[in-house]
Amino acid sequence: MDKDIADKFPSLKNQFLIAMPSLNDGSFTRSVMLMCEHNEDGAMGIVINQPLNFSTPELLEHLSIPCKRIPNNNPVLAGGPVQVDRGFVIHRANQLWQSSLNLEQNISVTTSSDILHAIAKEELDNDTFIALGYAGWDAGQLEREMLENSWITAPIDPEIIFSTPVEQRWQKAIQSLGIDVSLLSSGAGHA
């Protein structure tokens, strides 16, 4: 049955998945997700607005990657509850790396360590965020959550990812749809 539901939805890859106020799950409350994959087998995304309590330089130091000086001081993000020991670098797609997924709007997600060394050497600008972990859904699971009004979608916007402070990304993503955040209900329903 879940596969049947999945077949009726368009792909959400290259979209923001935005948590509705009714979604009260610790990992996803007021989250904005960068959707990296969505097909009949499931979906994968990275949360872009849940900072952890340490910065990029602290993570690089922990990984024993020497820093030239102080590289970008962006917070490391909690990308989702799956494989929290795995890192994903969200950056502009200006350069190819060993393992990158190119999305729309000149955005890439890279998982290879060569990009971490480039961050440490200040070879990338501050339009770079590291996220630990990701969110994953089995076939039909995300579609079912969409039908339950847990999420809304919006086109990905580099301005929200790279120029909006982390704590304002949820509001900005919703406002990008022309929706007044104060008018959103915390309850779910169907017409």
Protein backbone atom coordinates (compact mmCIF):
# COMPACT_ATOMS: atom_id res chain seq x y z
CA MET A 1 0.00 0.00 0.00
CA ASP A 2 2.79 2.49 0.84
CA LYS A 3 4.34 1.95 -2.59
CA ASP A 4 0.93 2.78 -4.17
CA ILE A 5 0.86 6.07 -2.26
CA ALA A 6 4.42 6.87 -3.35
CA ASP A 7 3.52 6.38 -7.01
CA LYS A 8 0.92 9.19 -6.79
CA PHE A 9 3.35 11.87 -5.51
CA PRO A 10 5.79 13.90 -7.58
CA SER A 11 9.42 13.75 -6.51
CA LEU A 12 10.31 16.13 -3.69
CA LYS A 13 14.01 16.12 -4.60
CA ASN A 14 15.30 19.70 -4.89
CA GLN A 15 12.59 20.96 -2.54
CA PHE A 16 12.48 22.20 1.03
CA LEU A 17 10.42 19.97 3.30
CA ILE A 18 9.09 22.24 6.05
CA ALA A 19 7.64 20.90 9.29
CA MET A 20 4.15 22.10 10.09
CA PRO A 21 3.52 23.40 13.64
CA SER A 22 1.54 20.21 14.39
CA LEU A 23 4.70 18.09 13.95
CA ASN A 24 5.98 17.74 17.51
CA ASP A 25 8.84 15.31 17.02
CA GLY A 26 12.08 16.32 18.77
CA SER A 27 14.20 15.74 15.68
CA PHE A 28 11.85 17.53 13.30
CA THR A 29 9.96 20.20 15.26
CA ARG A 30 10.08 23.40 13.16
CA SER A 31 12.65 21.85 10.87
CA VAL A 32 13.56 22.72 7.32
CA MET A 33 14.86 19.81 5.28
CA LEU A 34 16.90 19.97 2.08
CA MET A 35 15.52 17.05 0.07
CA CYS A 36 18.38 15.20 -1.64
CA GLU A 37 16.50 12.18 -2.95
CA HIS A 38 12.90 11.05 -3.34
CA ASN A 39 11.72 8.18 -5.48
CA GLU A 40 9.55 5.06 -5.32
CA ASP A 41 12.03 3.44 -2.90
CA GLY A 42 11.94 6.22 -0.30
CA ALA A 43 13.39 9.62 0.49
CA MET A 44 16.45 11.25 2.04
CA GLY A 45 16.94 14.78 3.31
CA ILE A 46 19.16 16.86 5.56
CA VAL A 47 17.85 19.24 8.23
CA ILE A 48 19.38 22.70 7.69
CA ASN A 49 18.19 24.58 10.77
CA GLN A 50 19.02 22.52 13.86
CA PRO A 51 22.47 23.61 15.13
CA LEU A 52 24.53 21.41 17.42
CA ASN A 53 26.56 22.86 20.28
CA PHE A 54 29.84 23.05 18.39
CA SER A 55 31.27 24.87 15.40
CA THR A 56 32.95 23.80 12.19
CA PRO A 57 36.48 24.50 13.56
CA GLU A 58 35.73 22.39 16.65
CA LEU A 59 34.57 19.50 14.46
CA LEU A 60 37.65 19.75 12.25
CA GLU A 61 39.87 19.75 15.33
CA HIS A 62 38.05 16.67 16.65
CA LEU A 63 38.70 14.95 13.31
CA SER A 64 42.41 15.88 13.55
CA ILE A 65 42.20 18.04 10.42
CA PRO A 66 44.64 20.92 10.87
CA CYS A 67 43.18 24.36 10.23
CA LYS A 68 45.12 27.09 8.45
CA ARG A 69 43.56 29.72 10.72
CA ILE A 70 39.98 29.94 11.86
CA PRO A 71 37.90 28.66 8.93
CA ASN A 72 34.20 29.33 8.67
CA ASN A 73 32.69 29.44 12.11
CA ASN A 74 29.28 28.13 11.07
CA PRO A 75 27.59 25.79 13.52
CA VAL A 76 27.54 22.10 12.73
CA LEU A 77 23.96 21.03 12.04
CA ALA A 78 21.99 18.03 13.27
CA GLY A 79 21.10 16.75 9.80
CA GLY A 80 18.75 14.05 11.06
CA PRO A 81 18.52 11.00 13.29
CA VAL A 82 19.98 8.45 10.83
CA GLN A 83 23.75 7.75 10.85
CA VAL A 84 24.60 10.72 13.07
CA ASP A 85 28.28 9.84 12.78
CA ARG A 86 28.21 10.52 9.03
CA GLY A 87 28.91 14.03 7.76
CA PHE A 88 27.34 15.89 4.86
CA VAL A 89 28.72 19.19 3.59
CA ILE A 90 26.13 21.51 2.05
CA HIS A 91 27.80 24.04 -0.22
CA ARG A 92 27.61 25.93 -3.48
CA ALA A 93 28.33 23.70 -6.48
CA ASN A 94 31.28 25.71 -7.77
CA GLN A 95 33.72 22.81 -7.63
CA LEU A 96 33.67 19.04 -8.04
CA TRP A 97 34.59 16.81 -5.13
CA GLN A 98 35.14 13.06 -4.84
CA SER A 99 31.57 12.36 -3.75
CA SER A 100 29.02 15.08 -4.47
CA LEU A 101 25.33 15.16 -5.24
CA ASN A 102 24.43 18.24 -7.29
CA LEU A 103 21.01 19.71 -6.62
CA GLU A 104 19.27 22.63 -8.29
CA GLN A 105 20.07 26.29 -7.64
CA ASN A 106 23.86 25.64 -7.62
CA ILE A 107 23.69 23.64 -4.37
CA SER A 108 25.65 20.45 -3.70
CA VAL A 109 25.93 17.94 -0.88
CA THR A 110 29.33 16.27 -0.52
CA THR A 111 30.28 13.34 1.70
CA SER A 112 33.97 12.87 0.89
CA SER A 113 36.71 14.05 3.26
CA ASP A 114 38.52 16.09 0.59
CA ILE A 115 36.04 18.92 1.11
CA LEU A 116 36.73 18.96 4.88
CA HIS A 117 40.43 19.55 4.18
CA ALA A 118 39.49 22.34 1.75
CA ILE A 119 37.35 23.99 4.47
CA ALA A 120 40.27 23.77 6.90
CA LYS A 121 42.60 25.41 4.35
CA GLU A 122 40.04 28.17 3.70
CA GLU A 123 39.66 27.12 0.08
CA LEU A 124 35.86 27.50 0.38
CA ASP A 125 33.90 30.54 1.45
CA ASN A 126 31.45 30.64 4.34
CA ASP A 127 28.66 29.29 2.13
CA THR A 128 29.43 25.88 3.57
CA PHE A 129 27.66 23.96 6.33
CA ILE A 130 28.44 20.56 7.80
CA ALA A 131 25.52 18.41 8.95
CA LEU A 132 25.83 15.20 10.93
CA GLY A 133 23.23 12.57 10.09
CA TYR A 134 20.26 12.64 7.77
CA ALA A 135 16.55 11.87 7.68
CA GLY A 136 15.33 8.87 5.73
CA TRP A 137 11.93 7.48 4.82
CA ASP A 138 10.92 4.07 3.45
CA ALA A 139 8.73 3.83 0.34
CA GLY A 140 5.44 5.64 0.96
CA GLN A 141 6.35 6.78 4.49
CA LEU A 142 6.99 10.44 3.62
CA GLU A 143 3.92 10.54 1.39
CA ARG A 144 1.80 9.26 4.28
CA GLU A 145 3.25 12.00 6.52
CA MET A 146 2.41 14.57 3.83
CA LEU A 147 -1.20 13.32 3.77
CA GLU A 148 -1.27 13.71 7.58
CA ASN A 149 -0.33 17.41 7.14
CA SER A 150 3.03 17.01 8.91
CA TRP A 151 4.96 18.74 6.13
CA ILE A 152 4.65 21.35 3.40
CA THR A 153 7.10 21.89 0.56
CA ALA A 154 8.74 24.90 -1.03
CA PRO A 155 11.31 25.32 -3.80
CA ILE A 156 14.87 25.27 -2.48
CA ASP A 157 16.32 28.73 -2.06
CA PRO A 158 20.08 29.32 -1.68
CA GLU A 159 19.32 32.59 0.13
CA ILE A 160 17.63 30.65 2.95
CA ILE A 161 20.45 28.08 3.15
CA PHE A 162 23.46 30.38 2.90
CA SER A 163 22.33 33.90 3.89
CA THR A 164 19.62 33.39 6.52
CA PRO A 165 20.65 32.81 10.14
CA VAL A 166 19.99 29.20 11.17
CA GLU A 167 17.37 30.18 13.78
CA GLN A 168 15.32 32.10 11.15
CA ARG A 169 15.29 29.49 8.36
CA TRP A 170 11.97 27.84 9.33
CA GLN A 171 10.10 31.16 9.28
CA LYS A 172 11.79 32.31 6.06
CA ALA A 173 11.02 29.01 4.31
CA ILE A 174 7.33 29.30 5.21
CA GLN A 175 7.25 32.99 4.27
CA SER A 176 8.73 32.09 0.87
CA LEU A 177 5.35 30.47 0.16
CA GLY A 178 3.51 33.69 1.01
CA ILE A 179 2.21 32.21 4.28
CA ASP A 180 1.98 34.21 7.51
CA VAL A 181 3.57 31.98 10.17
CA SER A 182 1.27 33.36 12.87
CA LEU A 183 -1.76 32.04 10.96
CA LEU A 184 -0.60 28.42 10.84
CA SER A 185 -2.57 26.08 13.06
CA SER A 186 -0.91 23.47 15.24
CA GLY A 187 -3.78 21.08 14.47
CA ALA A 188 -4.14 18.97 11.36
CA GLY A 189 -7.23 18.48 9.25
CA HIS A 190 -8.56 17.70 5.79
CA ALA A 191 -11.16 19.54 3.78
